[in-house]
């Protein structure tokens, strides 16, 4: 599904009753990740993929932080994204934590980890494609991100009565610059703070199974790829299925959720050194070690 802003207002919602399972109070660690592909913004005068403030998923009544608006959002911001969060005593209007910039028209992984540490404070780590980085805190900027976690002041508690949502939300939207046009996939919520190495290792995986070291801490997992109908299944323990609302069309696509890196590309396609080995294999000639052929056979028959 391509999630759009006005007038389509495409969104998927978990029922209010099931959404209570995703309130984590003031002490519970948690992690949230999603795959996203940005399409052209409605007003492209500042760039094809320039967005200003719109939420693409979250759990709160309206997007944007504020003392009377507890919850959290993943929001697009300029060429990058931000994690908006608010709620709880002694925290004012909450916070917004800037993630790294990422390109449009290709898939990327966005992950947030919230962890309460021994000092009694909660810390947030923001990852873009598995890379830790913040662009508006701890001395970080868009051109020189800070690879650090962000300490949250006060006693944050993001609990609320709003549904878990993907897609459109009202709230802080800057006209046509805030009119979303995105694809989403692989939305996961864990009831644990994922370690840095795990986020990095699995950022490029197109799906997840029980071999994941923190699979048992999974509380919500939506592929978002059913292909038809209005129901999007939750594979987590609460079976908190989403219902699509607004105007939507299921897209069929064949692009990779995560493209191979340049360094890995050579292992995925034949090279010149593979040609002799391949030809010899076709003629069923046993390869001799003395020939010094180190090529790979790609097709055995």
C-alpha atoms as a PDB file:
ATOM      1  CA  UNK A   1       0.000   0.000   0.000  1.00  0.00           C
ATOM      2  CA  UNK A   2       1.151   3.509  -0.738  1.00  0.00           C
ATOM      3  CA  UNK A   3       0.224   5.653   2.246  1.00  0.00           C
ATOM      4  CA  UNK A   4      -0.880   9.141   1.249  1.00  0.00           C
ATOM      5  CA  UNK A   5      -1.973  12.332   2.955  1.00  0.00           C
ATOM      6  CA  UNK A   6      -4.885  14.524   1.899  1.00  0.00           C
ATOM      7  CA  UNK A   7      -7.271  13.732   0.382  1.00  0.00           C
ATOM      8  CA  UNK A   8      -6.654   9.954   0.576  1.00  0.00           C
ATOM      9  CA  UNK A   9      -5.651   9.870   4.274  1.00  0.00           C
ATOM     10  CA  UNK A  10      -4.440   6.288   3.994  1.00  0.00           C
ATOM     11  CA  UNK A  11      -3.776   4.623   7.333  1.00  0.00           C
ATOM     12  CA  UNK A  12      -3.750   1.256   9.058  1.00  0.00           C
ATOM     13  CA  UNK A  13      -4.995   1.109  12.649  1.00  0.00           C
ATOM     14  CA  UNK A  14      -4.818  -1.425  15.464  1.00  0.00           C
ATOM     15  CA  UNK A  15      -7.999  -1.645  17.542  1.00  0.00           C
ATOM     16  CA  UNK A  16      -8.085   0.537  20.647  1.00  0.00           C
ATOM     17  CA  UNK A  17      -8.330  -2.512  22.878  1.00  0.00           C
ATOM     18  CA  UNK A  18      -5.255  -4.205  21.384  1.00  0.00           C
ATOM     19  CA  UNK A  19      -3.303  -0.943  21.240  1.00  0.00           C
ATOM     20  CA  UNK A  20      -3.125  -0.957  25.041  1.00  0.00           C
ATOM     21  CA  UNK A  21      -0.538  -3.726  24.726  1.00  0.00           C
ATOM     22  CA  UNK A  22       1.890  -1.189  23.260  1.00  0.00           C
ATOM     23  CA  UNK A  23       1.915   1.186  26.237  1.00  0.00           C
ATOM     24  CA  UNK A  24       5.225   0.644  28.030  1.00  0.00           C
ATOM     25  CA  UNK A  25       4.954   2.983  31.017  1.00  0.00           C
ATOM     26  CA  UNK A  26       7.934   4.843  32.456  1.00  0.00           C
ATOM     27  CA  UNK A  27      10.301   1.915  33.053  1.00  0.00           C
ATOM     28  CA  UNK A  28       9.967  -0.642  30.241  1.00  0.00           C
ATOM     29  CA  UNK A  29      12.605  -0.668  27.497  1.00  0.00           C
ATOM     30  CA  UNK A  30      11.353  -0.984  23.919  1.00  0.00           C
ATOM     31  CA  UNK A  31      12.479  -0.822  20.285  1.00  0.00           C
ATOM     32  CA  UNK A  32      10.587   0.101  17.099  1.00  0.00           C
ATOM     33  CA  UNK A  33      11.691  -0.456  13.511  1.00  0.00           C
ATOM     34  CA  UNK A  34      10.179  -0.121  10.041  1.00  0.00           C
ATOM     35  CA  UNK A  35      11.201  -0.287   6.401  1.00  0.00           C
ATOM     36  CA  UNK A  36      10.221   2.815   4.392  1.00  0.00           C
ATOM     37  CA  UNK A  37      10.412   4.022   0.818  1.00  0.00           C
ATOM     38  CA  UNK A  38       9.691   7.696   0.141  1.00  0.00           C
ATOM     39  CA  UNK A  39       7.887   8.797  -3.005  1.00  0.00           C
ATOM     40  CA  UNK A  40       7.745  12.310  -4.453  1.00  0.00           C
ATOM     41  CA  UNK A  41       6.394  14.942  -2.106  1.00  0.00           C
ATOM     42  CA  UNK A  42       3.331  16.831  -3.336  1.00  0.00           C
ATOM     43  CA  UNK A  43       5.186  20.154  -3.540  1.00  0.00           C
ATOM     44  CA  UNK A  44       8.609  19.472  -5.062  1.00  0.00           C
ATOM     45  CA  UNK A  45       9.875  23.066  -5.080  1.00  0.00           C
ATOM     46  CA  UNK A  46      12.379  22.261  -2.298  1.00  0.00           C
ATOM     47  CA  UNK A  47      13.328  18.847  -3.647  1.00  0.00           C
ATOM     48  CA  UNK A  48      11.642  15.663  -4.813  1.00  0.00           C
ATOM     49  CA  UNK A  49      11.740  14.056  -1.361  1.00  0.00           C
ATOM     50  CA  UNK A  50      11.635  17.094   0.928  1.00  0.00           C
ATOM     51  CA  UNK A  51       9.040  16.676   3.677  1.00  0.00           C
ATOM     52  CA  UNK A  52       8.177  18.890   6.600  1.00  0.00           C
ATOM     53  CA  UNK A  53       6.943  17.193   9.777  1.00  0.00           C
ATOM     54  CA  UNK A  54       4.369  14.580   8.681  1.00  0.00           C
ATOM     55  CA  UNK A  55       4.097  11.399  10.727  1.00  0.00           C
ATOM     56  CA  UNK A  56       4.297   8.080   8.868  1.00  0.00           C
ATOM     57  CA  UNK A  57       3.583   5.875  11.895  1.00  0.00           C
ATOM     58  CA  UNK A  58       3.079   6.249  15.604  1.00  0.00           C
ATOM     59  CA  UNK A  59       0.879   5.944  18.653  1.00  0.00           C
ATOM     60  CA  UNK A  60      -0.729   9.207  19.695  1.00  0.00           C
ATOM     61  CA  UNK A  61      -3.869  11.206  18.930  1.00  0.00           C
ATOM     62  CA  UNK A  62      -2.158  13.697  16.590  1.00  0.00           C
ATOM     63  CA  UNK A  63       1.393  13.937  15.287  1.00  0.00           C
ATOM     64  CA  UNK A  64       3.873  16.342  16.862  1.00  0.00           C
ATOM     65  CA  UNK A  65       5.058  16.688  20.425  1.00  0.00           C
ATOM     66  CA  UNK A  66       3.306  18.553  23.237  1.00  0.00           C
ATOM     67  CA  UNK A  67       2.635  18.187  26.959  1.00  0.00           C
ATOM     68  CA  UNK A  68      -1.025  17.385  26.331  1.00  0.00           C
ATOM     69  CA  UNK A  69      -0.311  14.980  23.480  1.00  0.00           C
ATOM     70  CA  UNK A  70       1.454  11.914  24.935  1.00  0.00           C
ATOM     71  CA  UNK A  71       2.849   9.289  22.598  1.00  0.00           C
ATOM     72  CA  UNK A  72       5.398   8.902  19.822  1.00  0.00           C
ATOM     73  CA  UNK A  73       5.793   9.318  16.062  1.00  0.00           C
ATOM     74  CA  UNK A  74       8.227   8.557  13.269  1.00  0.00           C
ATOM     75  CA  UNK A  75       8.017  11.723  11.172  1.00  0.00           C
ATOM     76  CA  UNK A  76       9.655  12.822   7.932  1.00  0.00           C
ATOM     77  CA  UNK A  77      11.713  15.982   8.335  1.00  0.00           C
ATOM     78  CA  UNK A  78      13.402  17.689   5.361  1.00  0.00           C
ATOM     79  CA  UNK A  79      15.505  14.924   3.733  1.00  0.00           C
ATOM     80  CA  UNK A  80      15.605  12.822   6.903  1.00  0.00           C
ATOM     81  CA  UNK A  81      13.339  11.862   9.788  1.00  0.00           C
ATOM     82  CA  UNK A  82      12.675  12.517  13.439  1.00  0.00           C
ATOM     83  CA  UNK A  83      11.381  10.637  16.457  1.00  0.00           C
ATOM     84  CA  UNK A  84       8.803  12.767  18.263  1.00  0.00           C
ATOM     85  CA  UNK A  85       7.879  11.771  21.829  1.00  0.00           C
ATOM     86  CA  UNK A  86       6.083  13.369  24.761  1.00  0.00           C
ATOM     87  CA  UNK A  87       4.190  12.543  27.947  1.00  0.00           C
ATOM     88  CA  UNK A  88       4.980  12.128  31.626  1.00  0.00           C
ATOM     89  CA  UNK A  89       5.899  14.536  34.459  1.00  0.00           C
ATOM     90  CA  UNK A  90       8.770  17.042  34.427  1.00  0.00           C
ATOM     91  CA  UNK A  91       9.355  16.662  30.696  1.00  0.00           C
ATOM     92  CA  UNK A  92       7.741  19.783  29.276  1.00  0.00           C
ATOM     93  CA  UNK A  93       6.661  19.394  25.664  1.00  0.00           C
ATOM     94  CA  UNK A  94       8.742  16.263  25.163  1.00  0.00           C
ATOM     95  CA  UNK A  95      11.434  15.872  22.536  1.00  0.00           C
ATOM     96  CA  UNK A  96      12.232  15.452  18.869  1.00  0.00           C
ATOM     97  CA  UNK A  97      15.332  13.492  17.908  1.00  0.00           C
ATOM     98  CA  UNK A  98      16.691  13.911  14.405  1.00  0.00           C
ATOM     99  CA  UNK A  99      17.756  10.819  12.492  1.00  0.00           C
ATOM    100  CA  UNK A 100      20.024  10.726   9.456  1.00  0.00           C
ATOM    101  CA  UNK A 101      19.040  11.826   5.970  1.00  0.00           C
ATOM    102  CA  UNK A 102      18.039   9.052   3.583  1.00  0.00           C
ATOM    103  CA  UNK A 103      17.346   8.905  -0.142  1.00  0.00           C
ATOM    104  CA  UNK A 104      13.984   8.569  -1.839  1.00  0.00           C
ATOM    105  CA  UNK A 105      12.551   5.874  -4.105  1.00  0.00           C
ATOM    106  CA  UNK A 106      14.503   3.081  -2.386  1.00  0.00           C
ATOM    107  CA  UNK A 107      13.952   1.146   0.822  1.00  0.00           C
ATOM    108  CA  UNK A 108      15.549   2.126   4.127  1.00  0.00           C
ATOM    109  CA  UNK A 109      15.390   0.866   7.705  1.00  0.00           C
ATOM    110  CA  UNK A 110      14.509   3.245  10.561  1.00  0.00           C
ATOM    111  CA  UNK A 111      14.906   2.067  14.153  1.00  0.00           C
ATOM    112  CA  UNK A 112      14.450   3.659  17.573  1.00  0.00           C
ATOM    113  CA  UNK A 113      15.640   2.071  20.826  1.00  0.00           C
ATOM    114  CA  UNK A 114      14.458   3.416  24.207  1.00  0.00           C
ATOM    115  CA  UNK A 115      16.371   2.155  27.245  1.00  0.00           C
ATOM    116  CA  UNK A 116      16.216   3.023  30.943  1.00  0.00           C
ATOM    117  CA  UNK A 117      19.675   2.870  32.508  1.00  0.00           C
ATOM    118  CA  UNK A 118      21.104   2.524  36.009  1.00  0.00           C
ATOM    119  CA  UNK A 119      21.116   6.301  36.527  1.00  0.00           C
ATOM    120  CA  UNK A 120      17.306   6.279  36.380  1.00  0.00           C
ATOM    121  CA  UNK A 121      17.079   8.148  33.069  1.00  0.00           C
ATOM    122  CA  UNK A 122      15.800   6.929  29.724  1.00  0.00           C
ATOM    123  CA  UNK A 123      18.009   7.137  26.647  1.00  0.00           C
ATOM    124  CA  UNK A 124      17.081   7.024  22.968  1.00  0.00           C
ATOM    125  CA  UNK A 125      19.215   5.632  20.155  1.00  0.00           C
ATOM    126  CA  UNK A 126      18.275   6.496  16.578  1.00  0.00           C
ATOM    127  CA  UNK A 127      19.419   4.283  13.684  1.00  0.00           C
ATOM    128  CA  UNK A 128      19.099   4.793   9.942  1.00  0.00           C
ATOM    129  CA  UNK A 129      19.948   1.666   7.945  1.00  0.00           C
ATOM    130  CA  UNK A 130      21.645   0.321  11.063  1.00  0.00           C
ATOM    131  CA  UNK A 131      23.845   3.404  11.528  1.00  0.00           C
ATOM    132  CA  UNK A 132      23.596   5.173  14.889  1.00  0.00           C
ATOM    133  CA  UNK A 133      23.301   8.931  14.440  1.00  0.00           C
ATOM    134  CA  UNK A 134      21.495  12.030  15.657  1.00  0.00           C
ATOM    135  CA  UNK A 135      21.461  15.329  13.777  1.00  0.00           C
ATOM    136  CA  UNK A 136      20.058  17.813  16.295  1.00  0.00           C
ATOM    137  CA  UNK A 137      21.482  16.798  19.679  1.00  0.00           C
ATOM    138  CA  UNK A 138      24.848  16.185  21.331  1.00  0.00           C
ATOM    139  CA  UNK A 139      26.589  18.471  18.837  1.00  0.00           C
ATOM    140  CA  UNK A 140      25.318  16.533  15.835  1.00  0.00           C
ATOM    141  CA  UNK A 141      24.196  18.072  12.549  1.00  0.00           C
ATOM    142  CA  UNK A 142      22.964  16.845   9.184  1.00  0.00           C
ATOM    143  CA  UNK A 143      26.457  17.161   7.723  1.00  0.00           C
ATOM    144  CA  UNK A 144      28.198  15.765  10.822  1.00  0.00           C
ATOM    145  CA  UNK A 145      25.858  13.505  12.824  1.00  0.00           C
ATOM    146  CA  UNK A 146      26.692  12.508  16.378  1.00  0.00           C
ATOM    147  CA  UNK A 147      26.921   8.727  16.862  1.00  0.00           C
ATOM    148  CA  UNK A 148      25.562   8.960  20.408  1.00  0.00           C
ATOM    149  CA  UNK A 149      22.398   8.233  22.355  1.00  0.00           C
ATOM    150  CA  UNK A 150      20.154  11.021  23.652  1.00  0.00           C
ATOM    151  CA  UNK A 151      19.334  11.362  27.347  1.00  0.00           C
ATOM    152  CA  UNK A 152      15.695  12.222  28.082  1.00  0.00           C
ATOM    153  CA  UNK A 153      15.004  14.676  30.890  1.00  0.00           C
ATOM    154  CA  UNK A 154      12.273  14.252  33.480  1.00  0.00           C
ATOM    155  CA  UNK A 155      10.185  11.101  33.771  1.00  0.00           C
ATOM    156  CA  UNK A 156       8.941  10.266  30.268  1.00  0.00           C
ATOM    157  CA  UNK A 157       5.822   8.129  30.006  1.00  0.00           C
ATOM    158  CA  UNK A 158       4.441   7.857  26.476  1.00  0.00           C
ATOM    159  CA  UNK A 159       1.295   5.894  27.392  1.00  0.00           C
ATOM    160  CA  UNK A 160      -1.978   6.976  25.777  1.00  0.00           C
ATOM    161  CA  UNK A 161      -5.352   5.677  24.591  1.00  0.00           C
ATOM    162  CA  UNK A 162      -4.614   6.190  20.874  1.00  0.00           C
ATOM    163  CA  UNK A 163      -4.316   3.322  18.372  1.00  0.00           C
ATOM    164  CA  UNK A 164      -1.049   2.066  16.925  1.00  0.00           C
ATOM    165  CA  UNK A 165      -1.001   3.494  13.400  1.00  0.00           C
ATOM    166  CA  UNK A 166       0.826   3.354  10.109  1.00  0.00           C
ATOM    167  CA  UNK A 167       0.254   6.046   7.509  1.00  0.00           C
ATOM    168  CA  UNK A 168      -1.622   9.326   7.722  1.00  0.00           C
ATOM    169  CA  UNK A 169      -2.094  11.321  10.901  1.00  0.00           C
ATOM    170  CA  UNK A 170      -3.413  14.794  11.520  1.00  0.00           C
ATOM    171  CA  UNK A 171      -1.368  17.270  13.531  1.00  0.00           C
ATOM    172  CA  UNK A 172       1.888  18.974  12.564  1.00  0.00           C
ATOM    173  CA  UNK A 173       1.784  19.028   8.760  1.00  0.00           C
ATOM    174  CA  UNK A 174       3.172  21.859   6.638  1.00  0.00           C
ATOM    175  CA  UNK A 175       0.682  21.952   3.767  1.00  0.00           C
ATOM    176  CA  UNK A 176       1.788  20.099   0.648  1.00  0.00           C
ATOM    177  CA  UNK A 177       5.289  19.653   2.130  1.00  0.00           C
ATOM    178  CA  UNK A 178       3.669  17.446   4.757  1.00  0.00           C
ATOM    179  CA  UNK A 179       1.514  15.379   2.437  1.00  0.00           C
ATOM    180  CA  UNK A 180       2.944  11.880   2.768  1.00  0.00           C
ATOM    181  CA  UNK A 181       3.570   9.533  -0.151  1.00  0.00           C
ATOM    182  CA  UNK A 182       5.358   6.467   1.229  1.00  0.00           C
ATOM    183  CA  UNK A 183       5.475   2.689   1.228  1.00  0.00           C
ATOM    184  CA  UNK A 184       5.983   0.899   4.548  1.00  0.00           C
ATOM    185  CA  UNK A 185       6.921  -2.693   5.385  1.00  0.00           C
ATOM    186  CA  UNK A 186       8.303  -4.871   8.178  1.00  0.00           C
ATOM    187  CA  UNK A 187       6.950  -2.843  11.110  1.00  0.00           C
ATOM    188  CA  UNK A 188       8.212  -4.370  14.384  1.00  0.00           C
ATOM    189  CA  UNK A 189       7.877  -3.487  18.064  1.00  0.00           C
ATOM    190  CA  UNK A 190      10.060  -5.211  20.673  1.00  0.00           C
ATOM    191  CA  UNK A 191       9.646  -5.082  24.445  1.00  0.00           C
ATOM    192  CA  UNK A 192      13.392  -4.790  24.919  1.00  0.00           C
ATOM    193  CA  UNK A 193      16.228  -2.404  24.093  1.00  0.00           C
ATOM    194  CA  UNK A 194      17.954  -3.989  21.101  1.00  0.00           C
ATOM    195  CA  UNK A 195      21.761  -3.802  21.320  1.00  0.00           C
ATOM    196  CA  UNK A 196      23.655  -1.738  18.782  1.00  0.00           C
ATOM    197  CA  UNK A 197      25.203  -4.784  17.113  1.00  0.00           C
ATOM    198  CA  UNK A 198      21.813  -6.471  16.638  1.00  0.00           C
ATOM    199  CA  UNK A 199      20.238  -3.389  15.058  1.00  0.00           C
ATOM    200  CA  UNK A 200      23.165  -3.119  12.668  1.00  0.00           C
ATOM    201  CA  UNK A 201      23.206  -6.829  11.814  1.00  0.00           C
ATOM    202  CA  UNK A 202      19.502  -7.106  10.985  1.00  0.00           C
ATOM    203  CA  UNK A 203      18.829  -3.684   9.427  1.00  0.00           C
ATOM    204  CA  UNK A 204      19.075  -5.106   5.914  1.00  0.00           C
ATOM    205  CA  UNK A 205      17.077  -8.299   6.468  1.00  0.00           C
ATOM    206  CA  UNK A 206      13.891  -8.341   4.334  1.00  0.00           C
ATOM    207  CA  UNK A 207      12.014 -10.390   6.935  1.00  0.00           C
ATOM    208  CA  UNK A 208      12.477 -11.970  10.369  1.00  0.00           C
ATOM    209  CA  UNK A 209      12.014 -15.416  11.905  1.00  0.00           C
ATOM    210  CA  UNK A 210      12.635 -17.187  15.205  1.00  0.00           C
ATOM    211  CA  UNK A 211      16.397 -17.238  14.570  1.00  0.00           C
ATOM    212  CA  UNK A 212      16.528 -13.556  15.533  1.00  0.00           C
ATOM    213  CA  UNK A 213      18.205 -13.373  18.979  1.00  0.00           C
ATOM    214  CA  UNK A 214      15.411 -11.181  20.379  1.00  0.00           C
ATOM    215  CA  UNK A 215      12.464 -12.859  18.673  1.00  0.00           C
ATOM    216  CA  UNK A 216      10.941 -13.822  22.046  1.00  0.00           C
ATOM    217  CA  UNK A 217      10.687 -10.120  22.959  1.00  0.00           C
ATOM    218  CA  UNK A 218       8.630  -9.293  19.880  1.00  0.00           C
ATOM    219  CA  UNK A 219       5.218  -7.839  20.789  1.00  0.00           C
ATOM    220  CA  UNK A 220       4.111  -6.617  17.354  1.00  0.00           C
ATOM    221  CA  UNK A 221       5.151  -7.626  13.835  1.00  0.00           C
ATOM    222  CA  UNK A 222       3.355  -6.531  10.682  1.00  0.00           C
ATOM    223  CA  UNK A 223       4.682  -7.470   7.219  1.00  0.00           C
ATOM    224  CA  UNK A 224       2.256  -4.917   5.659  1.00  0.00           C
ATOM    225  CA  UNK A 225       2.386  -6.862   2.388  1.00  0.00           C
ATOM    226  CA  UNK A 226      -0.907  -8.800   2.205  1.00  0.00           C
ATOM    227  CA  UNK A 227      -1.576  -7.622  -1.353  1.00  0.00           C
ATOM    228  CA  UNK A 228      -5.360  -7.418  -1.057  1.00  0.00           C
ATOM    229  CA  UNK A 229      -8.159  -6.694   1.371  1.00  0.00           C
ATOM    230  CA  UNK A 230      -8.274  -4.316   4.327  1.00  0.00           C
ATOM    231  CA  UNK A 231      -6.648  -6.506   7.003  1.00  0.00           C
ATOM    232  CA  UNK A 232      -2.914  -6.439   7.775  1.00  0.00           C
ATOM    233  CA  UNK A 233      -1.931  -9.283  10.084  1.00  0.00           C
ATOM    234  CA  UNK A 234       0.153  -8.972  13.219  1.00  0.00           C
ATOM    235  CA  UNK A 235       2.434 -11.993  13.646  1.00  0.00           C
ATOM    236  CA  UNK A 236       3.185 -11.016  17.243  1.00  0.00           C
ATOM    237  CA  UNK A 237       1.734 -12.689  20.361  1.00  0.00           C
ATOM    238  CA  UNK A 238      -1.212 -10.293  20.685  1.00  0.00           C
ATOM    239  CA  UNK A 239      -2.399 -10.753  17.076  1.00  0.00           C
ATOM    240  CA  UNK A 240      -3.080  -7.020  16.891  1.00  0.00           C
ATOM    241  CA  UNK A 241      -4.167  -6.924  13.259  1.00  0.00           C
ATOM    242  CA  UNK A 242      -4.460  -3.569  11.490  1.00  0.00           C
ATOM    243  CA  UNK A 243      -7.417  -2.388   9.459  1.00  0.00           C
ATOM    244  CA  UNK A 244      -6.799  -0.144   6.462  1.00  0.00           C
ATOM    245  CA  UNK A 245      -8.806   3.069   6.242  1.00  0.00           C
ATOM    246  CA  UNK A 246      -9.066   5.935   3.797  1.00  0.00           C
ATOM    247  CA  UNK A 247      -8.317   5.535   0.090  1.00  0.00           C
ATOM    248  CA  UNK A 248      -5.733   2.904  -0.787  1.00  0.00           C
ATOM    249  CA  UNK A 249      -4.541   0.587  -3.549  1.00  0.00           C
ATOM    250  CA  UNK A 250      -2.276  -2.412  -3.104  1.00  0.00           C
ATOM    251  CA  UNK A 251       0.921  -1.938  -5.117  1.00  0.00           C
ATOM    252  CA  UNK A 252       2.840  -4.856  -6.567  1.00  0.00           C
ATOM    253  CA  UNK A 253       6.590  -4.356  -6.537  1.00  0.00           C
ATOM    254  CA  UNK A 254       9.692  -6.410  -7.191  1.00  0.00           C
ATOM    255  CA  UNK A 255      12.370  -4.085  -5.800  1.00  0.00           C
ATOM    256  CA  UNK A 256      14.514  -5.271  -2.916  1.00  0.00           C
ATOM    257  CA  UNK A 257      13.642  -4.160   0.608  1.00  0.00           C
ATOM    258  CA  UNK A 258      17.367  -3.766   1.078  1.00  0.00           C
ATOM    259  CA  UNK A 259      19.761  -3.458  -1.828  1.00  0.00           C
ATOM    260  CA  UNK A 260      23.125  -5.235  -1.501  1.00  0.00           C
ATOM    261  CA  UNK A 261      26.088  -3.060  -0.610  1.00  0.00           C
ATOM    262  CA  UNK A 262      28.675  -2.222  -3.240  1.00  0.00           C
ATOM    263  CA  UNK A 263      31.240  -4.360  -1.430  1.00  0.00           C
ATOM    264  CA  UNK A 264      28.907  -7.376  -1.453  1.00  0.00           C
ATOM    265  CA  UNK A 265      27.743  -6.972  -5.037  1.00  0.00           C
ATOM    266  CA  UNK A 266      30.722  -8.878  -6.467  1.00  0.00           C
ATOM    267  CA  UNK A 267      29.648 -12.013  -4.620  1.00  0.00           C
ATOM    268  CA  UNK A 268      26.169 -11.899  -6.154  1.00  0.00           C
ATOM    269  CA  UNK A 269      26.986 -11.745  -9.890  1.00  0.00           C
ATOM    270  CA  UNK A 270      29.383 -13.732 -12.136  1.00  0.00           C
ATOM    271  CA  UNK A 271      32.901 -12.351 -12.688  1.00  0.00           C
ATOM    272  CA  UNK A 272      35.360 -12.874 -15.572  1.00  0.00           C
ATOM    273  CA  UNK A 273      37.264 -15.424 -13.503  1.00  0.00           C
ATOM    274  CA  UNK A 274      34.104 -17.543 -13.300  1.00  0.00           C
ATOM    275  CA  UNK A 275      33.821 -18.075 -17.083  1.00  0.00           C
ATOM    276  CA  UNK A 276      36.446 -20.851 -17.515  1.00  0.00           C
ATOM    277  CA  UNK A 277      35.075 -22.775 -14.535  1.00  0.00           C
ATOM    278  CA  UNK A 278      31.528 -22.465 -15.861  1.00  0.00           C
ATOM    279  CA  UNK A 279      32.461 -23.679 -19.384  1.00  0.00           C
ATOM    280  CA  UNK A 280      34.419 -26.656 -18.033  1.00  0.00           C
ATOM    281  CA  UNK A 281      31.444 -27.568 -15.862  1.00  0.00           C
ATOM    282  CA  UNK A 282      29.106 -27.543 -18.886  1.00  0.00           C
ATOM    283  CA  UNK A 283      31.377 -30.068 -20.658  1.00  0.00           C
ATOM    284  CA  UNK A 284      31.496 -32.247 -17.517  1.00  0.00           C
ATOM    285  CA  UNK A 285      35.302 -32.001 -17.415  1.00  0.00           C
ATOM    286  CA  UNK A 286      36.692 -32.563 -13.911  1.00  0.00           C
ATOM    287  CA  UNK A 287      38.599 -29.514 -12.744  1.00  0.00           C
ATOM    288  CA  UNK A 288      42.239 -30.161 -11.847  1.00  0.00           C
ATOM    289  CA  UNK A 289      43.828 -28.304  -8.929  1.00  0.00           C
ATOM    290  CA  UNK A 290      46.980 -27.815 -11.013  1.00  0.00           C
ATOM    291  CA  UNK A 291      45.015 -25.608 -13.435  1.00  0.00           C
ATOM    292  CA  UNK A 292      44.747 -22.869 -10.818  1.00  0.00           C
ATOM    293  CA  UNK A 293      41.109 -22.028 -11.639  1.00  0.00           C
ATOM    294  CA  UNK A 294      39.479 -20.221  -8.734  1.00  0.00           C
ATOM    295  CA  UNK A 295      36.234 -19.258 -10.464  1.00  0.00           C
ATOM    296  CA  UNK A 296      32.748 -20.138  -9.250  1.00  0.00           C
ATOM    297  CA  UNK A 297      30.247 -22.394 -11.063  1.00  0.00           C
ATOM    298  CA  UNK A 298      26.883 -20.582 -11.118  1.00  0.00           C
ATOM    299  CA  UNK A 299      24.776 -23.062 -13.135  1.00  0.00           C
ATOM    300  CA  UNK A 300      25.458 -26.766 -12.718  1.00  0.00           C
ATOM    301  CA  UNK A 301      23.154 -28.080 -15.459  1.00  0.00           C
END
